[in-house]
Amino acid sequence: MTANILVIDDDEAAVQELRPALVDEGFQIEHTVTGLNAIRSVLLEQPDVVILGLNDVEDDWQFCRRLLTFLDAPLLLLLDTDNELDLVQGLELGADDCVRKPVLTLELIARVRALLRRSTSRPSWRGRSYFVDQGLVIDLTRREVWLNERPVALTPTEFKFLSCLTAHAGEVISHERLMLHVWGNECPGWRDAIKLYIHHLRQKLEPDPSQPQRIMTRRGRGYVFQRLAQGETERLTPRQIL
């Protein structure tokens, strides 16, 4: 079966130099640059190996840490550095292999094949469910939320509200349905409590909580989560939570 290799590197010229040899070896190559698009590609494409080129090592460690949060596949780091300690740091962060730039094509291919062989015995996280929408990433398995590449701290109850709304994005969820999903049965003051939790979510997820774009009120009916990026999150959106 053809292995899917995702190359994340801001150096377009370097990627183009490596691509022909990797393709000749039977690999399917996808390329993206660092940032949110790279994380989206990891979630959508589910590559077999990820090659991450870090051209400004000091500034890119933070992105590497963030990427590893979402990564299932083995990670090979290509580091533009003369410092051997950077190789050590990459391995300690969680990368499966590290090598300095520039790397010989034959060596890179050998390292990728070694990672593929080892990955057959590593545990897979591909059962994890995600919701992704224009800067918002929700790991429904780990119950983690990221907005514009920054973690968002939610309480367990706030996460229950958000997961219910995103599971049925575009659909109005009644107050009663939210109440049953979060608490299981009617409790005193539940209508006011829902308003309070929706307020908290807007404070944490909306650019301007007074004019929400994602969590919308439908007076007399309930609330709806409105996707900002239509069509790009379908594969990652869970169909059923209740």
C-alpha atoms as a PDB file:
ATOM      1  CA  MET A   1       0.000   0.000   0.000  1.00  0.00           C
ATOM      2  CA  THR A   2       1.316   3.486  -0.881  1.00  0.00           C
ATOM      3  CA  ALA A   3       2.503   5.428   2.154  1.00  0.00           C
ATOM      4  CA  ASN A   4       1.233   8.979   2.521  1.00  0.00           C
ATOM      5  CA  ILE A   5       3.990  11.388   3.581  1.00  0.00           C
ATOM      6  CA  LEU A   6       3.103  14.878   4.784  1.00  0.00           C
ATOM      7  CA  VAL A   7       5.976  17.360   4.487  1.00  0.00           C
ATOM      8  CA  ILE A   8       5.602  20.504   6.607  1.00  0.00           C
ATOM      9  CA  ASP A   9       8.236  23.023   5.618  1.00  0.00           C
ATOM     10  CA  ASP A  10       8.289  26.739   4.806  1.00  0.00           C
ATOM     11  CA  ASP A  11      11.228  26.152   2.437  1.00  0.00           C
ATOM     12  CA  GLU A  12       9.400  25.425  -0.823  1.00  0.00           C
ATOM     13  CA  ALA A  13      12.625  24.983  -2.809  1.00  0.00           C
ATOM     14  CA  ALA A  14      13.941  22.321  -0.431  1.00  0.00           C
ATOM     15  CA  VAL A  15      10.679  20.392  -0.648  1.00  0.00           C
ATOM     16  CA  GLN A  16      10.746  20.453  -4.431  1.00  0.00           C
ATOM     17  CA  GLU A  17      14.278  19.017  -4.382  1.00  0.00           C
ATOM     18  CA  LEU A  18      13.191  16.084  -2.217  1.00  0.00           C
ATOM     19  CA  ARG A  19       9.818  15.388  -3.810  1.00  0.00           C
ATOM     20  CA  PRO A  20      10.925  13.566  -7.038  1.00  0.00           C
ATOM     21  CA  ALA A  21      13.027  10.997  -5.182  1.00  0.00           C
ATOM     22  CA  LEU A  22      10.293  10.323  -2.634  1.00  0.00           C
ATOM     23  CA  VAL A  23       7.687   9.937  -5.378  1.00  0.00           C
ATOM     24  CA  ASP A  24      10.012   7.564  -7.270  1.00  0.00           C
ATOM     25  CA  GLU A  25      10.112   5.397  -4.146  1.00  0.00           C
ATOM     26  CA  GLY A  26       6.338   5.060  -4.322  1.00  0.00           C
ATOM     27  CA  PHE A  27       5.431   7.572  -1.617  1.00  0.00           C
ATOM     28  CA  GLN A  28       2.479   9.926  -1.982  1.00  0.00           C
ATOM     29  CA  ILE A  29       3.690  13.395  -0.993  1.00  0.00           C
ATOM     30  CA  GLU A  30       1.594  16.246   0.401  1.00  0.00           C
ATOM     31  CA  HIS A  31       3.185  19.575   1.282  1.00  0.00           C
ATOM     32  CA  THR A  32       2.070  22.415   3.544  1.00  0.00           C
ATOM     33  CA  VAL A  33       3.705  25.187   5.548  1.00  0.00           C
ATOM     34  CA  THR A  34       3.854  25.538   9.316  1.00  0.00           C
ATOM     35  CA  GLY A  35       0.854  26.915  11.170  1.00  0.00           C
ATOM     36  CA  LEU A  36      -2.817  26.053  11.471  1.00  0.00           C
ATOM     37  CA  ASN A  37      -2.990  24.683   7.907  1.00  0.00           C
ATOM     38  CA  ALA A  38      -0.416  22.063   8.863  1.00  0.00           C
ATOM     39  CA  ILE A  39      -2.473  20.921  11.847  1.00  0.00           C
ATOM     40  CA  ARG A  40      -5.572  20.814   9.647  1.00  0.00           C
ATOM     41  CA  SER A  41      -3.683  18.676   7.104  1.00  0.00           C
ATOM     42  CA  VAL A  42      -2.598  16.256   9.835  1.00  0.00           C
ATOM     43  CA  LEU A  43      -6.173  15.814  10.994  1.00  0.00           C
ATOM     44  CA  LEU A  44      -7.719  15.563   7.535  1.00  0.00           C
ATOM     45  CA  GLU A  45      -5.085  13.518   5.687  1.00  0.00           C
ATOM     46  CA  GLN A  46      -3.976  11.221   8.539  1.00  0.00           C
ATOM     47  CA  PRO A  47      -0.494  10.714   7.016  1.00  0.00           C
ATOM     48  CA  ASP A  48       1.650   7.642   7.646  1.00  0.00           C
ATOM     49  CA  VAL A  49       4.763   9.763   8.320  1.00  0.00           C
ATOM     50  CA  VAL A  50       5.187  13.496   8.905  1.00  0.00           C
ATOM     51  CA  ILE A  51       8.414  15.261   7.945  1.00  0.00           C
ATOM     52  CA  LEU A  52       8.723  18.617   9.702  1.00  0.00           C
ATOM     53  CA  GLY A  53      11.386  21.038   8.490  1.00  0.00           C
ATOM     54  CA  LEU A  54      12.377  23.605  11.098  1.00  0.00           C
ATOM     55  CA  ASN A  55      14.325  26.436   9.492  1.00  0.00           C
ATOM     56  CA  ASP A  56      14.404  28.749  12.506  1.00  0.00           C
ATOM     57  CA  VAL A  57      14.796  26.205  15.266  1.00  0.00           C
ATOM     58  CA  GLU A  58      14.488  28.575  18.232  1.00  0.00           C
ATOM     59  CA  ASP A  59      11.196  30.043  17.003  1.00  0.00           C
ATOM     60  CA  ASP A  60       9.729  26.753  15.749  1.00  0.00           C
ATOM     61  CA  TRP A  61       9.932  24.573  18.859  1.00  0.00           C
ATOM     62  CA  GLN A  62       6.578  25.895  20.021  1.00  0.00           C
ATOM     63  CA  PHE A  63       4.920  24.832  16.773  1.00  0.00           C
ATOM     64  CA  CYS A  64       6.554  21.407  17.053  1.00  0.00           C
ATOM     65  CA  ARG A  65       5.080  20.935  20.530  1.00  0.00           C
ATOM     66  CA  ARG A  66       1.661  22.011  19.278  1.00  0.00           C
ATOM     67  CA  LEU A  67       1.832  19.650  16.301  1.00  0.00           C
ATOM     68  CA  LEU A  68       2.713  16.684  18.495  1.00  0.00           C
ATOM     69  CA  THR A  69      -0.485  17.275  20.453  1.00  0.00           C
ATOM     70  CA  PHE A  70      -2.515  16.291  17.390  1.00  0.00           C
ATOM     71  CA  LEU A  71      -0.106  13.900  15.705  1.00  0.00           C
ATOM     72  CA  ASP A  72      -0.711  10.192  15.357  1.00  0.00           C
ATOM     73  CA  ALA A  73       1.960   9.340  12.773  1.00  0.00           C
ATOM     74  CA  PRO A  74       5.742   9.114  13.333  1.00  0.00           C
ATOM     75  CA  LEU A  75       7.504  12.474  13.166  1.00  0.00           C
ATOM     76  CA  LEU A  76      10.838  13.052  11.416  1.00  0.00           C
ATOM     77  CA  LEU A  77      12.451  16.440  12.093  1.00  0.00           C
ATOM     78  CA  LEU A  78      14.715  18.134   9.555  1.00  0.00           C
ATOM     79  CA  LEU A  79      16.630  20.776  11.514  1.00  0.00           C
ATOM     80  CA  ASP A  80      18.521  23.702  10.041  1.00  0.00           C
ATOM     81  CA  THR A  81      21.050  23.839  12.857  1.00  0.00           C
ATOM     82  CA  ASP A  82      24.694  23.286  13.714  1.00  0.00           C
ATOM     83  CA  ASN A  83      23.916  22.579  17.350  1.00  0.00           C
ATOM     84  CA  GLU A  84      23.809  18.886  18.250  1.00  0.00           C
ATOM     85  CA  LEU A  85      21.748  19.732  21.320  1.00  0.00           C
ATOM     86  CA  ASP A  86      18.900  20.736  18.991  1.00  0.00           C
ATOM     87  CA  LEU A  87      18.771  17.134  17.776  1.00  0.00           C
ATOM     88  CA  VAL A  88      18.565  15.956  21.359  1.00  0.00           C
ATOM     89  CA  GLN A  89      15.833  18.456  22.165  1.00  0.00           C
ATOM     90  CA  GLY A  90      13.784  17.326  19.160  1.00  0.00           C
ATOM     91  CA  LEU A  91      13.895  13.718  20.336  1.00  0.00           C
ATOM     92  CA  GLU A  92      13.036  14.715  23.897  1.00  0.00           C
ATOM     93  CA  LEU A  93      10.017  16.661  22.661  1.00  0.00           C
ATOM     94  CA  GLY A  94       8.641  13.479  21.137  1.00  0.00           C
ATOM     95  CA  ALA A  95       9.965  13.306  17.567  1.00  0.00           C
ATOM     96  CA  ASP A  96      10.726   9.781  16.361  1.00  0.00           C
ATOM     97  CA  ASP A  97      13.844  10.802  14.424  1.00  0.00           C
ATOM     98  CA  CYS A  98      15.930  13.936  13.822  1.00  0.00           C
ATOM     99  CA  VAL A  99      18.458  14.825  11.142  1.00  0.00           C
ATOM    100  CA  ARG A 100      20.250  17.992  10.109  1.00  0.00           C
ATOM    101  CA  LYS A 101      19.629  19.885   6.889  1.00  0.00           C
ATOM    102  CA  PRO A 102      20.707  19.402   4.196  1.00  0.00           C
ATOM    103  CA  VAL A 103      20.061  15.658   4.178  1.00  0.00           C
ATOM    104  CA  LEU A 104      21.050  13.181   1.492  1.00  0.00           C
ATOM    105  CA  THR A 105      17.987  11.921  -0.355  1.00  0.00           C
ATOM    106  CA  LEU A 106      18.945   8.263   0.088  1.00  0.00           C
ATOM    107  CA  GLU A 107      19.396   8.798   3.822  1.00  0.00           C
ATOM    108  CA  LEU A 108      16.007  10.489   4.112  1.00  0.00           C
ATOM    109  CA  ILE A 109      14.299   7.644   2.253  1.00  0.00           C
ATOM    110  CA  ALA A 110      15.985   5.085   4.516  1.00  0.00           C
ATOM    111  CA  ARG A 111      14.868   6.958   7.630  1.00  0.00           C
ATOM    112  CA  VAL A 112      11.281   7.215   6.354  1.00  0.00           C
ATOM    113  CA  ARG A 113      11.184   3.486   5.606  1.00  0.00           C
ATOM    114  CA  ALA A 114      12.531   2.723   9.073  1.00  0.00           C
ATOM    115  CA  LEU A 115       9.780   4.842  10.635  1.00  0.00           C
ATOM    116  CA  LEU A 116       7.151   3.064   8.554  1.00  0.00           C
ATOM    117  CA  ARG A 117       8.434  -0.332   9.696  1.00  0.00           C
ATOM    118  CA  ARG A 118       8.375   0.701  13.344  1.00  0.00           C
ATOM    119  CA  SER A 119       4.970   2.370  13.099  1.00  0.00           C
ATOM    120  CA  THR A 120       3.228  -0.924  12.355  1.00  0.00           C
ATOM    121  CA  SER A 121       3.713  -1.932  15.987  1.00  0.00           C
ATOM    122  CA  ARG A 122       2.942   1.395  17.659  1.00  0.00           C
ATOM    123  CA  PRO A 123      -0.524   2.051  19.128  1.00  0.00           C
ATOM    124  CA  SER A 124      -2.849   4.010  16.895  1.00  0.00           C
ATOM    125  CA  TRP A 125      -4.920   7.005  17.980  1.00  0.00           C
ATOM    126  CA  ARG A 126      -6.877   7.161  14.770  1.00  0.00           C
ATOM    127  CA  GLY A 127     -10.098   6.470  16.619  1.00  0.00           C
ATOM    128  CA  ARG A 128      -9.911   9.985  18.024  1.00  0.00           C
ATOM    129  CA  SER A 129     -12.658  12.319  16.875  1.00  0.00           C
ATOM    130  CA  TYR A 130     -12.113  15.950  15.982  1.00  0.00           C
ATOM    131  CA  PHE A 131     -14.176  18.971  15.059  1.00  0.00           C
ATOM    132  CA  VAL A 132     -12.275  21.574  13.029  1.00  0.00           C
ATOM    133  CA  ASP A 133     -13.581  24.916  11.835  1.00  0.00           C
ATOM    134  CA  GLN A 134     -11.539  27.981  10.832  1.00  0.00           C
ATOM    135  CA  GLY A 135      -9.084  28.225  13.707  1.00  0.00           C
ATOM    136  CA  LEU A 136     -11.118  26.096  16.120  1.00  0.00           C
ATOM    137  CA  VAL A 137      -9.933  22.534  16.811  1.00  0.00           C
ATOM    138  CA  ILE A 138     -11.791  20.301  19.259  1.00  0.00           C
ATOM    139  CA  ASP A 139     -10.330  16.940  20.263  1.00  0.00           C
ATOM    140  CA  LEU A 140     -13.495  15.157  21.374  1.00  0.00           C
ATOM    141  CA  THR A 141     -11.577  12.157  22.712  1.00  0.00           C
ATOM    142  CA  ARG A 142      -9.121  14.071  24.853  1.00  0.00           C
ATOM    143  CA  ARG A 143     -11.634  16.836  25.548  1.00  0.00           C
ATOM    144  CA  GLU A 144      -9.189  19.547  24.489  1.00  0.00           C
ATOM    145  CA  VAL A 145      -9.960  22.765  22.623  1.00  0.00           C
ATOM    146  CA  TRP A 146      -7.614  24.983  20.604  1.00  0.00           C
ATOM    147  CA  LEU A 147      -8.418  28.347  19.073  1.00  0.00           C
ATOM    148  CA  ASN A 148      -6.015  29.962  16.604  1.00  0.00           C
ATOM    149  CA  GLU A 149      -3.331  27.511  17.734  1.00  0.00           C
ATOM    150  CA  ARG A 150      -3.743  28.359  21.437  1.00  0.00           C
ATOM    151  CA  PRO A 151      -5.270  26.030  24.048  1.00  0.00           C
ATOM    152  CA  VAL A 152      -8.624  27.060  25.509  1.00  0.00           C
ATOM    153  CA  ALA A 153      -9.411  25.964  29.061  1.00  0.00           C
ATOM    154  CA  LEU A 154     -12.993  24.734  29.401  1.00  0.00           C
ATOM    155  CA  THR A 155     -14.700  23.255  32.422  1.00  0.00           C
ATOM    156  CA  PRO A 156     -16.233  19.771  31.979  1.00  0.00           C
ATOM    157  CA  THR A 157     -19.717  21.304  31.805  1.00  0.00           C
ATOM    158  CA  GLU A 158     -18.656  23.923  29.248  1.00  0.00           C
ATOM    159  CA  PHE A 159     -17.158  21.144  27.124  1.00  0.00           C
ATOM    160  CA  LYS A 160     -20.430  19.193  27.271  1.00  0.00           C
ATOM    161  CA  PHE A 161     -22.329  22.189  25.945  1.00  0.00           C
ATOM    162  CA  LEU A 162     -19.792  22.787  23.177  1.00  0.00           C
ATOM    163  CA  SER A 163     -19.639  19.132  22.111  1.00  0.00           C
ATOM    164  CA  CYS A 164     -23.423  18.952  21.845  1.00  0.00           C
ATOM    165  CA  LEU A 165     -23.621  22.112  19.740  1.00  0.00           C
ATOM    166  CA  THR A 166     -20.772  21.156  17.396  1.00  0.00           C
ATOM    167  CA  ALA A 167     -22.050  17.591  16.975  1.00  0.00           C
ATOM    168  CA  HIS A 168     -25.157  19.116  15.399  1.00  0.00           C
ATOM    169  CA  ALA A 169     -23.576  22.188  13.813  1.00  0.00           C
ATOM    170  CA  GLY A 170     -26.073  24.170  11.767  1.00  0.00           C
ATOM    171  CA  GLU A 171     -29.013  22.669  13.669  1.00  0.00           C
ATOM    172  CA  VAL A 172     -30.956  24.506  16.364  1.00  0.00           C
ATOM    173  CA  ILE A 173     -30.608  22.670  19.682  1.00  0.00           C
ATOM    174  CA  SER A 174     -33.462  23.346  22.062  1.00  0.00           C
ATOM    175  CA  HIS A 175     -32.939  24.389  25.657  1.00  0.00           C
ATOM    176  CA  GLU A 176     -34.493  21.109  26.788  1.00  0.00           C
ATOM    177  CA  ARG A 177     -32.136  19.036  24.646  1.00  0.00           C
ATOM    178  CA  LEU A 178     -29.105  20.880  25.990  1.00  0.00           C
ATOM    179  CA  MET A 179     -30.366  20.375  29.529  1.00  0.00           C
ATOM    180  CA  LEU A 180     -30.777  16.620  29.019  1.00  0.00           C
ATOM    181  CA  HIS A 181     -27.373  16.278  27.353  1.00  0.00           C
ATOM    182  CA  VAL A 182     -25.512  18.122  30.109  1.00  0.00           C
ATOM    183  CA  TRP A 183     -27.378  17.172  33.299  1.00  0.00           C
ATOM    184  CA  GLY A 184     -29.502  14.187  32.304  1.00  0.00           C
ATOM    185  CA  ASN A 185     -32.659  15.512  33.945  1.00  0.00           C
ATOM    186  CA  GLU A 186     -34.329  18.729  34.966  1.00  0.00           C
ATOM    187  CA  CYS A 187     -32.701  20.669  37.784  1.00  0.00           C
ATOM    188  CA  PRO A 188     -33.639  23.927  39.506  1.00  0.00           C
ATOM    189  CA  GLY A 189     -32.703  27.042  37.555  1.00  0.00           C
ATOM    190  CA  TRP A 190     -31.497  25.096  34.504  1.00  0.00           C
ATOM    191  CA  ARG A 191     -32.644  27.713  31.980  1.00  0.00           C
ATOM    192  CA  ASP A 192     -30.608  30.459  33.629  1.00  0.00           C
ATOM    193  CA  ALA A 193     -27.688  28.061  33.989  1.00  0.00           C
ATOM    194  CA  ILE A 194     -27.714  27.381  30.230  1.00  0.00           C
ATOM    195  CA  LYS A 195     -27.588  31.103  29.502  1.00  0.00           C
ATOM    196  CA  LEU A 196     -24.635  31.467  31.859  1.00  0.00           C
ATOM    197  CA  TYR A 197     -22.663  28.619  30.268  1.00  0.00           C
ATOM    198  CA  ILE A 198     -23.358  29.908  26.753  1.00  0.00           C
ATOM    199  CA  HIS A 199     -22.092  33.303  27.928  1.00  0.00           C
ATOM    200  CA  HIS A 200     -18.894  31.681  29.219  1.00  0.00           C
ATOM    201  CA  LEU A 201     -18.332  29.826  25.934  1.00  0.00           C
ATOM    202  CA  ARG A 202     -18.767  33.019  23.935  1.00  0.00           C
ATOM    203  CA  GLN A 203     -16.268  34.799  26.150  1.00  0.00           C
ATOM    204  CA  LYS A 204     -13.703  32.103  25.399  1.00  0.00           C
ATOM    205  CA  LEU A 205     -14.423  31.351  21.719  1.00  0.00           C
ATOM    206  CA  GLU A 206     -15.844  34.473  20.078  1.00  0.00           C
ATOM    207  CA  PRO A 207     -13.696  37.420  18.881  1.00  0.00           C
ATOM    208  CA  ASP A 208     -16.483  39.747  20.042  1.00  0.00           C
ATOM    209  CA  PRO A 209     -18.749  37.958  22.552  1.00  0.00           C
ATOM    210  CA  SER A 210     -21.367  40.729  22.249  1.00  0.00           C
ATOM    211  CA  GLN A 211     -21.731  39.917  18.535  1.00  0.00           C
ATOM    212  CA  PRO A 212     -21.243  36.149  18.341  1.00  0.00           C
ATOM    213  CA  GLN A 213     -20.463  34.486  15.032  1.00  0.00           C
ATOM    214  CA  ARG A 214     -20.316  30.850  16.105  1.00  0.00           C
ATOM    215  CA  ILE A 215     -22.737  30.260  18.984  1.00  0.00           C
ATOM    216  CA  MET A 216     -25.965  31.889  17.865  1.00  0.00           C
ATOM    217  CA  THR A 217     -29.208  32.406  19.785  1.00  0.00           C
ATOM    218  CA  ARG A 218     -32.513  31.435  18.170  1.00  0.00           C
ATOM    219  CA  ARG A 219     -35.037  33.169  20.383  1.00  0.00           C
ATOM    220  CA  GLY A 220     -37.706  30.889  21.741  1.00  0.00           C
ATOM    221  CA  ARG A 221     -36.029  27.859  20.159  1.00  0.00           C
ATOM    222  CA  GLY A 222     -32.502  27.394  21.504  1.00  0.00           C
ATOM    223  CA  TYR A 223     -28.954  27.752  20.192  1.00  0.00           C
ATOM    224  CA  VAL A 224     -27.082  26.818  17.024  1.00  0.00           C
ATOM    225  CA  PHE A 225     -23.383  26.425  16.320  1.00  0.00           C
ATOM    226  CA  GLN A 226     -22.657  28.137  13.011  1.00  0.00           C
ATOM    227  CA  ARG A 227     -19.632  26.939  11.071  1.00  0.00           C
ATOM    228  CA  LEU A 228     -17.425  29.749   9.771  1.00  0.00           C
ATOM    229  CA  ALA A 229     -15.768  27.535   7.125  1.00  0.00           C
ATOM    230  CA  GLN A 230     -18.425  25.650   5.226  1.00  0.00           C
ATOM    231  CA  GLY A 231     -17.558  22.290   3.730  1.00  0.00           C
ATOM    232  CA  GLU A 232     -14.051  21.736   5.080  1.00  0.00           C
ATOM    233  CA  THR A 233     -14.855  20.013   8.390  1.00  0.00           C
ATOM    234  CA  GLU A 234     -17.333  17.357   7.336  1.00  0.00           C
ATOM    235  CA  ARG A 235     -15.017  14.375   7.785  1.00  0.00           C
ATOM    236  CA  LEU A 236     -14.067  15.411  11.296  1.00  0.00           C
ATOM    237  CA  THR A 237     -17.474  16.352  12.639  1.00  0.00           C
ATOM    238  CA  PRO A 238     -19.049  13.647  14.830  1.00  0.00           C
ATOM    239  CA  ARG A 239     -22.568  12.829  13.721  1.00  0.00           C
ATOM    240  CA  GLN A 240     -23.944  11.633  17.009  1.00  0.00           C
ATOM    241  CA  ILE A 241     -23.131  12.429  20.614  1.00  0.00           C
ATOM    242  CA  LEU A 242     -26.500  12.057  22.304  1.00  0.00           C
END
